[in-house]
Amino acid sequence: MYIIGENIQILSPRVKAAIADRDPTFIRELARAQVKHGANMLDLNIGPRKKDGIEVMQWMVEEIYDEVGAVPLSLDTTNAAAIEAGLKKCRELGITAMINSTSADPDRLNTTMPMAAEYGCKIIALAMDKNIPPTADGRVALAMEVLIPKAEELGIPMHNIYLDPLVLTVNGCQEHGPETLNAIRSFKMLWDPPPMTVVGLSNISNSVPHEGRSLINRTYLVMLMAAGLDAAIADPLDTVQNEVIRIIEQRDDSTGIGRAYLALYDAVAAMEEFTPDHVDMSDPDQVAIYKTVRILENKVIYAHGYLTS
């Protein structure tokens, strides 16, 4: 699983303050910590930054390069000029870059997709236009009719296109969970070679109490991996989540938790039901996985106390 570290993002008060003060200390610390914990790429989310986006993006790329070297970077802003400034700086420093992101909205598509072609970089393509389609079929249609044809027109190779079927929170939007899984399956079946796939993993637990987020994130990640996911914008500092990724990738069934997650992976991959027979229902940790899957499959309505009900 290719992990794009999510932690350098403008919603963090400390990151926001560091950018405002042009004090790189905390940003460098985050970059170093994420790489140490296995991040393959770092996402630099600077927000819209309409006034100083160019300066900020170039500054951040330089600071992170000085700290961790030519680790690949995802340039995350709606400011197209800032993205291009970041791409130029990455090219200058020999850094592999990704644009985060484009969509089927013509204004966005016709600005950022040509940049990906010009700079030969990766690009995340959101399966939405002005709105997010409620079904997998709607998201697949945008990919088939708009996103992939535009990339092909510009000569962007399929391995540089990362389709994002969009993850929404279980707290109020849980019906989207199965649709996202189905969209990934379709993305992988409709083209040869298939495009890459990516999600913003932590979105699945937005507005969920902090103590419950990791369980939801890592359980959904197993399901996404089984559906064909290639990459996730996620928290590489979540060591429990990292261990679950290792379990799946190494097929480690030496623990009860490992056997439960592998059973979940295999069930989703085979498009079969994950049942109580797949887990040891006398083990509270395995029961928590089972209950979380029921939420993610939209079979039980999410509530903050779902694990105790």
C-alpha atoms as a PDB file:
ATOM      1  CA  MET A   1       0.000   0.000   0.000  1.00  0.00           C
ATOM      2  CA  TYR A   2       1.400   3.352  -1.094  1.00  0.00           C
ATOM      3  CA  ILE A   3       0.901   5.793   1.783  1.00  0.00           C
ATOM      4  CA  ILE A   4       0.720   9.539   1.169  1.00  0.00           C
ATOM      5  CA  GLY A   5       1.269  11.184   4.539  1.00  0.00           C
ATOM      6  CA  GLU A   6      -1.614  13.504   5.415  1.00  0.00           C
ATOM      7  CA  ASN A   7      -0.234  15.347   8.428  1.00  0.00           C
ATOM      8  CA  ILE A   8       1.100  18.539   6.849  1.00  0.00           C
ATOM      9  CA  GLN A   9      -2.264  20.193   6.306  1.00  0.00           C
ATOM     10  CA  ILE A  10      -3.660  23.646   6.849  1.00  0.00           C
ATOM     11  CA  LEU A  11      -6.464  22.500   9.178  1.00  0.00           C
ATOM     12  CA  SER A  12      -3.839  21.781  11.816  1.00  0.00           C
ATOM     13  CA  PRO A  13      -3.492  24.925  13.969  1.00  0.00           C
ATOM     14  CA  ARG A  14       0.239  24.283  14.393  1.00  0.00           C
ATOM     15  CA  VAL A  15       0.796  23.894  10.647  1.00  0.00           C
ATOM     16  CA  LYS A  16      -1.300  27.000   9.978  1.00  0.00           C
ATOM     17  CA  ALA A  17       0.767  28.996  12.463  1.00  0.00           C
ATOM     18  CA  ALA A  18       4.039  27.652  11.066  1.00  0.00           C
ATOM     19  CA  ILE A  19       3.075  28.772   7.570  1.00  0.00           C
ATOM     20  CA  ALA A  20       1.921  32.183   8.764  1.00  0.00           C
ATOM     21  CA  ASP A  21       5.195  32.739  10.646  1.00  0.00           C
ATOM     22  CA  ARG A  22       7.343  31.023   7.973  1.00  0.00           C
ATOM     23  CA  ASP A  23       8.763  28.943  10.803  1.00  0.00           C
ATOM     24  CA  PRO A  24       9.649  25.558   9.307  1.00  0.00           C
ATOM     25  CA  THR A  25      10.462  23.763  12.576  1.00  0.00           C
ATOM     26  CA  PHE A  26       7.160  21.928  13.071  1.00  0.00           C
ATOM     27  CA  ILE A  27       6.680  21.217   9.361  1.00  0.00           C
ATOM     28  CA  ARG A  28      10.156  19.702   9.198  1.00  0.00           C
ATOM     29  CA  GLU A  29       9.372  17.591  12.274  1.00  0.00           C
ATOM     30  CA  LEU A  30       6.190  16.294  10.668  1.00  0.00           C
ATOM     31  CA  ALA A  31       7.968  15.501   7.419  1.00  0.00           C
ATOM     32  CA  ARG A  32      10.726  13.605   9.212  1.00  0.00           C
ATOM     33  CA  ALA A  33       8.301  11.681  11.446  1.00  0.00           C
ATOM     34  CA  GLN A  34       6.059  10.632   8.554  1.00  0.00           C
ATOM     35  CA  VAL A  35       8.975   9.391   6.471  1.00  0.00           C
ATOM     36  CA  LYS A  36      10.373   7.526   9.492  1.00  0.00           C
ATOM     37  CA  HIS A  37       7.016   5.758   9.897  1.00  0.00           C
ATOM     38  CA  GLY A  38       6.917   4.615   6.286  1.00  0.00           C
ATOM     39  CA  ALA A  39       5.226   7.360   4.263  1.00  0.00           C
ATOM     40  CA  ASN A  40       6.031   6.929   0.564  1.00  0.00           C
ATOM     41  CA  MET A  41       4.956  10.477  -0.311  1.00  0.00           C
ATOM     42  CA  LEU A  42       4.050  13.598   1.674  1.00  0.00           C
ATOM     43  CA  ASP A  43       0.933  15.652   0.995  1.00  0.00           C
ATOM     44  CA  LEU A  44       1.408  19.416   1.317  1.00  0.00           C
ATOM     45  CA  ASN A  45      -2.049  20.848   1.937  1.00  0.00           C
ATOM     46  CA  ILE A  46      -1.732  24.642   2.033  1.00  0.00           C
ATOM     47  CA  GLY A  47      -5.407  25.471   1.445  1.00  0.00           C
ATOM     48  CA  PRO A  48      -6.528  27.952  -1.250  1.00  0.00           C
ATOM     49  CA  ARG A  49      -3.798  30.540  -0.399  1.00  0.00           C
ATOM     50  CA  LYS A  50      -4.980  32.985  -3.057  1.00  0.00           C
ATOM     51  CA  LYS A  51      -2.592  35.759  -2.027  1.00  0.00           C
ATOM     52  CA  ASP A  52       0.659  33.995  -1.199  1.00  0.00           C
ATOM     53  CA  GLY A  53       0.182  30.448  -2.498  1.00  0.00           C
ATOM     54  CA  ILE A  54       3.125  30.565  -4.896  1.00  0.00           C
ATOM     55  CA  GLU A  55       5.553  31.707  -2.218  1.00  0.00           C
ATOM     56  CA  VAL A  56       4.211  29.290   0.407  1.00  0.00           C
ATOM     57  CA  MET A  57       4.318  26.230  -1.836  1.00  0.00           C
ATOM     58  CA  GLN A  58       7.861  26.912  -2.986  1.00  0.00           C
ATOM     59  CA  TRP A  59       8.955  27.557   0.604  1.00  0.00           C
ATOM     60  CA  MET A  60       7.428  24.322   1.858  1.00  0.00           C
ATOM     61  CA  VAL A  61       8.939  22.225  -0.920  1.00  0.00           C
ATOM     62  CA  GLU A  62      12.387  23.673  -0.199  1.00  0.00           C
ATOM     63  CA  GLU A  63      12.119  23.191   3.561  1.00  0.00           C
ATOM     64  CA  ILE A  64      10.958  19.606   3.287  1.00  0.00           C
ATOM     65  CA  TYR A  65      13.640  18.813   0.706  1.00  0.00           C
ATOM     66  CA  ASP A  66      16.271  20.186   3.074  1.00  0.00           C
ATOM     67  CA  GLU A  67      14.897  17.970   5.866  1.00  0.00           C
ATOM     68  CA  VAL A  68      14.176  14.619   4.171  1.00  0.00           C
ATOM     69  CA  GLY A  69      15.660  14.880   0.689  1.00  0.00           C
ATOM     70  CA  ALA A  70      13.822  14.038  -2.530  1.00  0.00           C
ATOM     71  CA  VAL A  71      10.837  12.287  -0.946  1.00  0.00           C
ATOM     72  CA  PRO A  72       7.901  12.455  -3.413  1.00  0.00           C
ATOM     73  CA  LEU A  73       5.449  15.279  -2.739  1.00  0.00           C
ATOM     74  CA  SER A  74       1.721  15.753  -3.342  1.00  0.00           C
ATOM     75  CA  LEU A  75       0.892  19.406  -3.995  1.00  0.00           C
ATOM     76  CA  ASP A  76      -2.510  19.961  -2.427  1.00  0.00           C
ATOM     77  CA  THR A  77      -4.228  23.281  -3.140  1.00  0.00           C
ATOM     78  CA  THR A  78      -6.945  24.736  -5.342  1.00  0.00           C
ATOM     79  CA  ASN A  79      -4.553  27.525  -6.350  1.00  0.00           C
ATOM     80  CA  ALA A  80      -3.359  26.464  -9.808  1.00  0.00           C
ATOM     81  CA  ALA A  81      -0.514  28.983  -9.845  1.00  0.00           C
ATOM     82  CA  ALA A  82       0.756  27.590  -6.537  1.00  0.00           C
ATOM     83  CA  ILE A  83       0.614  24.054  -7.924  1.00  0.00           C
ATOM     84  CA  GLU A  84       2.673  25.067 -10.947  1.00  0.00           C
ATOM     85  CA  ALA A  85       5.183  26.868  -8.747  1.00  0.00           C
ATOM     86  CA  GLY A  86       5.506  23.707  -6.693  1.00  0.00           C
ATOM     87  CA  LEU A  87       5.933  21.583  -9.808  1.00  0.00           C
ATOM     88  CA  LYS A  88       8.719  23.841 -11.049  1.00  0.00           C
ATOM     89  CA  LYS A  89      10.475  23.647  -7.684  1.00  0.00           C
ATOM     90  CA  CYS A  90      10.100  19.854  -7.582  1.00  0.00           C
ATOM     91  CA  ARG A  91      11.565  19.550 -11.071  1.00  0.00           C
ATOM     92  CA  GLU A  92      14.478  21.773 -10.055  1.00  0.00           C
ATOM     93  CA  LEU A  93      15.195  19.623  -6.987  1.00  0.00           C
ATOM     94  CA  GLY A  94      14.601  16.248  -8.632  1.00  0.00           C
ATOM     95  CA  ILE A  95      11.463  15.464  -6.615  1.00  0.00           C
ATOM     96  CA  THR A  96       8.688  13.237  -7.974  1.00  0.00           C
ATOM     97  CA  ALA A  97       5.487  15.286  -7.769  1.00  0.00           C
ATOM     98  CA  MET A  98       1.763  14.679  -7.737  1.00  0.00           C
ATOM     99  CA  ILE A  99      -1.051  17.169  -8.299  1.00  0.00           C
ATOM    100  CA  ASN A 100      -3.790  16.942  -5.683  1.00  0.00           C
ATOM    101  CA  SER A 101      -6.145  17.314  -7.467  1.00  0.00           C
ATOM    102  CA  THR A 102      -8.362  17.716 -10.513  1.00  0.00           C
ATOM    103  CA  SER A 103     -12.006  16.796 -11.096  1.00  0.00           C
ATOM    104  CA  ALA A 104     -14.554  16.603 -13.902  1.00  0.00           C
ATOM    105  CA  ASP A 105     -15.445  20.259 -13.325  1.00  0.00           C
ATOM    106  CA  PRO A 106     -14.277  21.833 -16.632  1.00  0.00           C
ATOM    107  CA  ASP A 107     -12.619  24.846 -14.978  1.00  0.00           C
ATOM    108  CA  ARG A 108     -10.501  22.619 -12.793  1.00  0.00           C
ATOM    109  CA  LEU A 109      -9.978  19.872 -15.358  1.00  0.00           C
ATOM    110  CA  ASN A 110      -8.740  22.175 -18.106  1.00  0.00           C
ATOM    111  CA  THR A 111      -6.277  23.887 -15.781  1.00  0.00           C
ATOM    112  CA  THR A 112      -4.648  21.077 -13.817  1.00  0.00           C
ATOM    113  CA  MET A 113      -4.745  18.125 -16.220  1.00  0.00           C
ATOM    114  CA  PRO A 114      -2.584  19.970 -18.815  1.00  0.00           C
ATOM    115  CA  MET A 115      -0.059  20.695 -16.031  1.00  0.00           C
ATOM    116  CA  ALA A 116       0.235  16.965 -15.336  1.00  0.00           C
ATOM    117  CA  ALA A 117       0.939  16.402 -19.012  1.00  0.00           C
ATOM    118  CA  GLU A 118       3.471  19.238 -19.230  1.00  0.00           C
ATOM    119  CA  TYR A 119       5.423  18.229 -16.126  1.00  0.00           C
ATOM    120  CA  GLY A 120       5.017  14.472 -16.547  1.00  0.00           C
ATOM    121  CA  CYS A 121       3.721  14.119 -13.003  1.00  0.00           C
ATOM    122  CA  LYS A 122       1.084  12.054 -11.267  1.00  0.00           C
ATOM    123  CA  ILE A 123      -2.378  13.525 -10.744  1.00  0.00           C
ATOM    124  CA  ILE A 124      -5.309  12.676  -8.479  1.00  0.00           C
ATOM    125  CA  ALA A 125      -8.591  12.843 -10.383  1.00  0.00           C
ATOM    126  CA  LEU A 126     -11.667  13.160  -8.194  1.00  0.00           C
ATOM    127  CA  ALA A 127     -14.746  11.331  -9.500  1.00  0.00           C
ATOM    128  CA  MET A 128     -16.970  14.379  -9.146  1.00  0.00           C
ATOM    129  CA  ASP A 129     -17.875  17.564 -11.011  1.00  0.00           C
ATOM    130  CA  LYS A 130     -19.625  20.320  -9.089  1.00  0.00           C
ATOM    131  CA  ASN A 131     -21.066  17.626  -6.826  1.00  0.00           C
ATOM    132  CA  ILE A 132     -20.263  14.086  -5.712  1.00  0.00           C
ATOM    133  CA  PRO A 133     -22.456  11.493  -7.461  1.00  0.00           C
ATOM    134  CA  PRO A 134     -24.287   9.405  -4.866  1.00  0.00           C
ATOM    135  CA  THR A 135     -23.616   6.067  -6.575  1.00  0.00           C
ATOM    136  CA  ALA A 136     -20.630   4.113  -7.826  1.00  0.00           C
ATOM    137  CA  ASP A 137     -22.134   4.142 -11.317  1.00  0.00           C
ATOM    138  CA  GLY A 138     -22.232   7.944 -11.303  1.00  0.00           C
ATOM    139  CA  ARG A 139     -18.587   8.205 -10.270  1.00  0.00           C
ATOM    140  CA  VAL A 140     -17.511   5.585 -12.798  1.00  0.00           C
ATOM    141  CA  ALA A 141     -19.393   7.457 -15.529  1.00  0.00           C
ATOM    142  CA  LEU A 142     -17.409  10.643 -14.820  1.00  0.00           C
ATOM    143  CA  ALA A 143     -14.178   8.681 -14.990  1.00  0.00           C
ATOM    144  CA  MET A 144     -15.167   6.985 -18.245  1.00  0.00           C
ATOM    145  CA  GLU A 145     -16.681   9.982 -19.981  1.00  0.00           C
ATOM    146  CA  VAL A 146     -14.570  12.876 -18.729  1.00  0.00           C
ATOM    147  CA  LEU A 147     -11.470  12.134 -16.656  1.00  0.00           C
ATOM    148  CA  ILE A 148      -9.788   9.283 -18.531  1.00  0.00           C
ATOM    149  CA  PRO A 149     -10.609  10.659 -22.023  1.00  0.00           C
ATOM    150  CA  LYS A 150      -9.048  14.012 -21.057  1.00  0.00           C
ATOM    151  CA  ALA A 151      -5.929  12.315 -19.761  1.00  0.00           C
ATOM    152  CA  GLU A 152      -5.657  10.189 -22.904  1.00  0.00           C
ATOM    153  CA  GLU A 153      -6.129  13.270 -25.085  1.00  0.00           C
ATOM    154  CA  LEU A 154      -3.169  14.890 -23.344  1.00  0.00           C
ATOM    155  CA  GLY A 155      -1.007  11.782 -23.491  1.00  0.00           C
ATOM    156  CA  ILE A 156      -0.889  11.178 -19.735  1.00  0.00           C
ATOM    157  CA  PRO A 157       0.038   7.530 -19.107  1.00  0.00           C
ATOM    158  CA  MET A 158      -2.464   5.479 -17.137  1.00  0.00           C
ATOM    159  CA  HIS A 159       0.022   4.816 -14.327  1.00  0.00           C
ATOM    160  CA  ASN A 160       0.119   8.562 -13.595  1.00  0.00           C
ATOM    161  CA  ILE A 161      -3.665   8.834 -13.168  1.00  0.00           C
ATOM    162  CA  TYR A 162      -4.941   8.219  -9.635  1.00  0.00           C
ATOM    163  CA  LEU A 163      -8.733   8.021  -9.647  1.00  0.00           C
ATOM    164  CA  ASP A 164     -10.294   9.001  -6.318  1.00  0.00           C
ATOM    165  CA  PRO A 165     -13.844   7.633  -5.854  1.00  0.00           C
ATOM    166  CA  LEU A 166     -14.234   9.865  -2.784  1.00  0.00           C
ATOM    167  CA  VAL A 167     -14.623   8.716   0.793  1.00  0.00           C
ATOM    168  CA  LEU A 168     -17.249  10.386   2.990  1.00  0.00           C
ATOM    169  CA  THR A 169     -17.775  10.059   6.712  1.00  0.00           C
ATOM    170  CA  VAL A 170     -19.769   7.252   8.293  1.00  0.00           C
ATOM    171  CA  ASN A 171     -21.246   9.890  10.586  1.00  0.00           C
ATOM    172  CA  GLY A 172     -24.113  11.027   8.387  1.00  0.00           C
ATOM    173  CA  CYS A 173     -22.987   9.751   4.969  1.00  0.00           C
ATOM    174  CA  GLN A 174     -22.389   6.067   5.615  1.00  0.00           C
ATOM    175  CA  GLU A 175     -24.391   4.984   2.573  1.00  0.00           C
ATOM    176  CA  HIS A 176     -21.415   6.120   0.491  1.00  0.00           C
ATOM    177  CA  GLY A 177     -19.085   3.491   2.009  1.00  0.00           C
ATOM    178  CA  PRO A 178     -20.163   0.564  -0.200  1.00  0.00           C
ATOM    179  CA  GLU A 179     -20.428   2.847  -3.244  1.00  0.00           C
ATOM    180  CA  THR A 180     -16.778   3.839  -2.909  1.00  0.00           C
ATOM    181  CA  LEU A 181     -15.726   0.180  -2.741  1.00  0.00           C
ATOM    182  CA  ASN A 182     -17.767  -0.637  -5.831  1.00  0.00           C
ATOM    183  CA  ALA A 183     -16.330   2.317  -7.720  1.00  0.00           C
ATOM    184  CA  ILE A 184     -12.776   1.090  -7.056  1.00  0.00           C
ATOM    185  CA  ARG A 185     -13.678  -2.366  -8.346  1.00  0.00           C
ATOM    186  CA  SER A 186     -15.101  -0.842 -11.518  1.00  0.00           C
ATOM    187  CA  PHE A 187     -12.123   1.459 -12.071  1.00  0.00           C
ATOM    188  CA  LYS A 188      -9.878  -1.600 -12.029  1.00  0.00           C
ATOM    189  CA  MET A 189     -12.030  -3.629 -14.428  1.00  0.00           C
ATOM    190  CA  LEU A 190     -12.889  -1.098 -17.113  1.00  0.00           C
ATOM    191  CA  TRP A 191      -9.431  -0.289 -18.484  1.00  0.00           C
ATOM    192  CA  ASP A 192      -6.375  -2.306 -19.496  1.00  0.00           C
ATOM    193  CA  PRO A 193      -4.008  -1.271 -18.132  1.00  0.00           C
ATOM    194  CA  PRO A 194      -6.131   0.066 -15.286  1.00  0.00           C
ATOM    195  CA  PRO A 195      -5.607   3.486 -13.721  1.00  0.00           C
ATOM    196  CA  MET A 196      -4.265   3.787 -10.209  1.00  0.00           C
ATOM    197  CA  THR A 197      -6.683   4.413  -7.345  1.00  0.00           C
ATOM    198  CA  VAL A 198      -6.383   6.572  -4.237  1.00  0.00           C
ATOM    199  CA  VAL A 199      -8.598   7.767  -1.386  1.00  0.00           C
ATOM    200  CA  GLY A 200      -8.455  10.231   1.456  1.00  0.00           C
ATOM    201  CA  LEU A 201      -8.783   7.507   4.086  1.00  0.00           C
ATOM    202  CA  SER A 202      -9.353   9.601   7.209  1.00  0.00           C
ATOM    203  CA  ASN A 203     -12.465  11.150   5.671  1.00  0.00           C
ATOM    204  CA  ILE A 204     -14.329   7.963   6.599  1.00  0.00           C
ATOM    205  CA  SER A 205     -14.114   8.929  10.281  1.00  0.00           C
ATOM    206  CA  ASN A 206     -14.552  12.701  10.059  1.00  0.00           C
ATOM    207  CA  SER A 207     -16.604  13.989  13.019  1.00  0.00           C
ATOM    208  CA  VAL A 208     -16.236  10.654  14.819  1.00  0.00           C
ATOM    209  CA  PRO A 209     -14.838  10.882  18.389  1.00  0.00           C
ATOM    210  CA  HIS A 210     -11.050  10.735  18.293  1.00  0.00           C
ATOM    211  CA  GLU A 211     -10.778   7.473  20.201  1.00  0.00           C
ATOM    212  CA  GLY A 212     -12.895   5.668  17.585  1.00  0.00           C
ATOM    213  CA  ARG A 213     -11.256   6.982  14.422  1.00  0.00           C
ATOM    214  CA  SER A 214      -8.329   4.597  14.007  1.00  0.00           C
ATOM    215  CA  LEU A 215     -10.479   1.452  14.202  1.00  0.00           C
ATOM    216  CA  ILE A 216     -12.844   2.765  11.537  1.00  0.00           C
ATOM    217  CA  ASN A 217      -9.971   3.959   9.341  1.00  0.00           C
ATOM    218  CA  ARG A 218      -7.942   0.763   9.421  1.00  0.00           C
ATOM    219  CA  THR A 219     -10.949  -1.519   9.008  1.00  0.00           C
ATOM    220  CA  TYR A 220     -12.144   0.401   5.977  1.00  0.00           C
ATOM    221  CA  LEU A 221      -8.587   0.403   4.599  1.00  0.00           C
ATOM    222  CA  VAL A 222      -8.570  -3.411   4.639  1.00  0.00           C
ATOM    223  CA  MET A 223     -11.834  -3.401   2.695  1.00  0.00           C
ATOM    224  CA  LEU A 224     -10.480  -0.849   0.219  1.00  0.00           C
ATOM    225  CA  MET A 225      -7.299  -2.858  -0.311  1.00  0.00           C
ATOM    226  CA  ALA A 226      -9.406  -5.920  -1.044  1.00  0.00           C
ATOM    227  CA  ALA A 227     -11.379  -3.949  -3.641  1.00  0.00           C
ATOM    228  CA  GLY A 228      -8.157  -2.941  -5.434  1.00  0.00           C
ATOM    229  CA  LEU A 229      -6.983   0.285  -3.821  1.00  0.00           C
ATOM    230  CA  ASP A 230      -3.400   1.285  -4.691  1.00  0.00           C
ATOM    231  CA  ALA A 231      -2.738   4.329  -2.480  1.00  0.00           C
ATOM    232  CA  ALA A 232      -4.185   6.183   0.481  1.00  0.00           C
ATOM    233  CA  ILE A 233      -3.751   9.676   1.847  1.00  0.00           C
ATOM    234  CA  ALA A 234      -3.535   8.612   5.463  1.00  0.00           C
ATOM    235  CA  ASP A 235      -1.812   9.092   8.803  1.00  0.00           C
ATOM    236  CA  PRO A 236       1.501   7.187   8.776  1.00  0.00           C
ATOM    237  CA  LEU A 237       1.909   7.992  12.480  1.00  0.00           C
ATOM    238  CA  ASP A 238      -0.951   5.597  13.278  1.00  0.00           C
ATOM    239  CA  THR A 239       1.204   2.611  14.203  1.00  0.00           C
ATOM    240  CA  VAL A 240      -1.763   0.263  14.715  1.00  0.00           C
ATOM    241  CA  GLN A 241      -2.950   1.039  11.194  1.00  0.00           C
ATOM    242  CA  ASN A 242       0.560   0.424   9.889  1.00  0.00           C
ATOM    243  CA  GLU A 243       0.553  -2.983  11.576  1.00  0.00           C
ATOM    244  CA  VAL A 244      -2.745  -3.899   9.909  1.00  0.00           C
ATOM    245  CA  ILE A 245      -1.290  -2.993   6.508  1.00  0.00           C
ATOM    246  CA  ARG A 246       1.679  -5.254   7.274  1.00  0.00           C
ATOM    247  CA  ILE A 247      -0.640  -8.097   8.299  1.00  0.00           C
ATOM    248  CA  ILE A 248      -2.538  -7.891   5.014  1.00  0.00           C
ATOM    249  CA  GLU A 249       0.514  -7.518   2.812  1.00  0.00           C
ATOM    250  CA  GLN A 250       2.407 -10.359   4.526  1.00  0.00           C
ATOM    251  CA  ARG A 251      -0.675 -12.560   5.100  1.00  0.00           C
ATOM    252  CA  ASP A 252       0.277 -12.851   8.775  1.00  0.00           C
ATOM    253  CA  ASP A 253      -2.329 -15.053  10.461  1.00  0.00           C
ATOM    254  CA  SER A 254      -0.344 -15.612  13.650  1.00  0.00           C
ATOM    255  CA  THR A 255      -2.801 -13.632  15.822  1.00  0.00           C
ATOM    256  CA  GLY A 256      -6.547 -13.574  16.233  1.00  0.00           C
ATOM    257  CA  ILE A 257      -6.711  -9.985  15.029  1.00  0.00           C
ATOM    258  CA  GLY A 258      -4.602 -10.913  12.026  1.00  0.00           C
ATOM    259  CA  ARG A 259      -6.891 -13.806  11.148  1.00  0.00           C
ATOM    260  CA  ALA A 260      -9.947 -11.561  11.467  1.00  0.00           C
ATOM    261  CA  TYR A 261      -8.549  -8.872   9.178  1.00  0.00           C
ATOM    262  CA  LEU A 262      -7.389 -11.458   6.637  1.00  0.00           C
ATOM    263  CA  ALA A 263     -10.849 -13.032   6.679  1.00  0.00           C
ATOM    264  CA  LEU A 264     -12.337  -9.594   6.051  1.00  0.00           C
ATOM    265  CA  TYR A 265      -9.913  -8.950   3.194  1.00  0.00           C
ATOM    266  CA  ASP A 266     -10.687 -12.300   1.579  1.00  0.00           C
ATOM    267  CA  ALA A 267     -14.450 -11.861   1.967  1.00  0.00           C
ATOM    268  CA  VAL A 268     -14.451  -8.411   0.365  1.00  0.00           C
ATOM    269  CA  ALA A 269     -12.095  -9.535  -2.411  1.00  0.00           C
ATOM    270  CA  ALA A 270     -14.449 -12.420  -3.217  1.00  0.00           C
ATOM    271  CA  MET A 271     -17.489 -10.129  -2.835  1.00  0.00           C
ATOM    272  CA  GLU A 272     -18.818 -12.408  -0.109  1.00  0.00           C
ATOM    273  CA  GLU A 273     -20.450 -11.555   3.205  1.00  0.00           C
ATOM    274  CA  PHE A 274     -18.282 -11.073   6.277  1.00  0.00           C
ATOM    275  CA  THR A 275     -20.113 -12.939   9.034  1.00  0.00           C
ATOM    276  CA  PRO A 276     -19.658 -13.693  12.751  1.00  0.00           C
ATOM    277  CA  ASP A 277     -18.212 -17.047  11.663  1.00  0.00           C
ATOM    278  CA  HIS A 278     -15.160 -15.178  10.364  1.00  0.00           C
ATOM    279  CA  VAL A 279     -14.197 -13.897  13.828  1.00  0.00           C
ATOM    280  CA  ASP A 280     -13.878 -15.137  17.377  1.00  0.00           C
ATOM    281  CA  MET A 281     -16.930 -13.549  18.965  1.00  0.00           C
ATOM    282  CA  SER A 282     -15.467 -14.156  22.442  1.00  0.00           C
ATOM    283  CA  ASP A 283     -12.653 -11.703  21.659  1.00  0.00           C
ATOM    284  CA  PRO A 284     -13.803  -8.087  22.194  1.00  0.00           C
ATOM    285  CA  ASP A 285     -11.272  -6.749  19.687  1.00  0.00           C
ATOM    286  CA  GLN A 286     -12.545  -9.048  16.963  1.00  0.00           C
ATOM    287  CA  VAL A 287     -16.138  -8.214  17.845  1.00  0.00           C
ATOM    288  CA  ALA A 288     -15.227  -4.533  17.403  1.00  0.00           C
ATOM    289  CA  ILE A 289     -13.933  -5.282  13.907  1.00  0.00           C
ATOM    290  CA  TYR A 290     -17.136  -7.125  13.028  1.00  0.00           C
ATOM    291  CA  LYS A 291     -19.341  -4.302  14.333  1.00  0.00           C
ATOM    292  CA  THR A 292     -17.269  -1.738  12.448  1.00  0.00           C
ATOM    293  CA  VAL A 293     -17.644  -3.669   9.196  1.00  0.00           C
ATOM    294  CA  ARG A 294     -21.424  -3.669   9.676  1.00  0.00           C
ATOM    295  CA  ILE A 295     -21.310   0.122   9.906  1.00  0.00           C
ATOM    296  CA  LEU A 296     -19.052   0.465   6.866  1.00  0.00           C
ATOM    297  CA  GLU A 297     -21.299  -1.826   4.836  1.00  0.00           C
ATOM    298  CA  ASN A 298     -24.250   0.408   5.789  1.00  0.00           C
ATOM    299  CA  LYS A 299     -26.032  -2.513   7.431  1.00  0.00           C
ATOM    300  CA  VAL A 300     -26.217  -0.872  10.877  1.00  0.00           C
ATOM    301  CA  ILE A 301     -26.746   2.856  11.382  1.00  0.00           C
ATOM    302  CA  TYR A 302     -23.687   4.574  12.810  1.00  0.00           C
ATOM    303  CA  ALA A 303     -23.851   6.092  16.300  1.00  0.00           C
ATOM    304  CA  HIS A 304     -20.945   7.171  18.453  1.00  0.00           C
ATOM    305  CA  GLY A 305     -21.661   4.287  20.858  1.00  0.00           C
ATOM    306  CA  TYR A 306     -22.033   1.595  18.196  1.00  0.00           C
ATOM    307  CA  LEU A 307     -19.384  -0.636  19.794  1.00  0.00           C
ATOM    308  CA  THR A 308     -21.317  -0.884  23.052  1.00  0.00           C
ATOM    309  CA  SER A 309     -24.760  -1.516  21.572  1.00  0.00           C
END
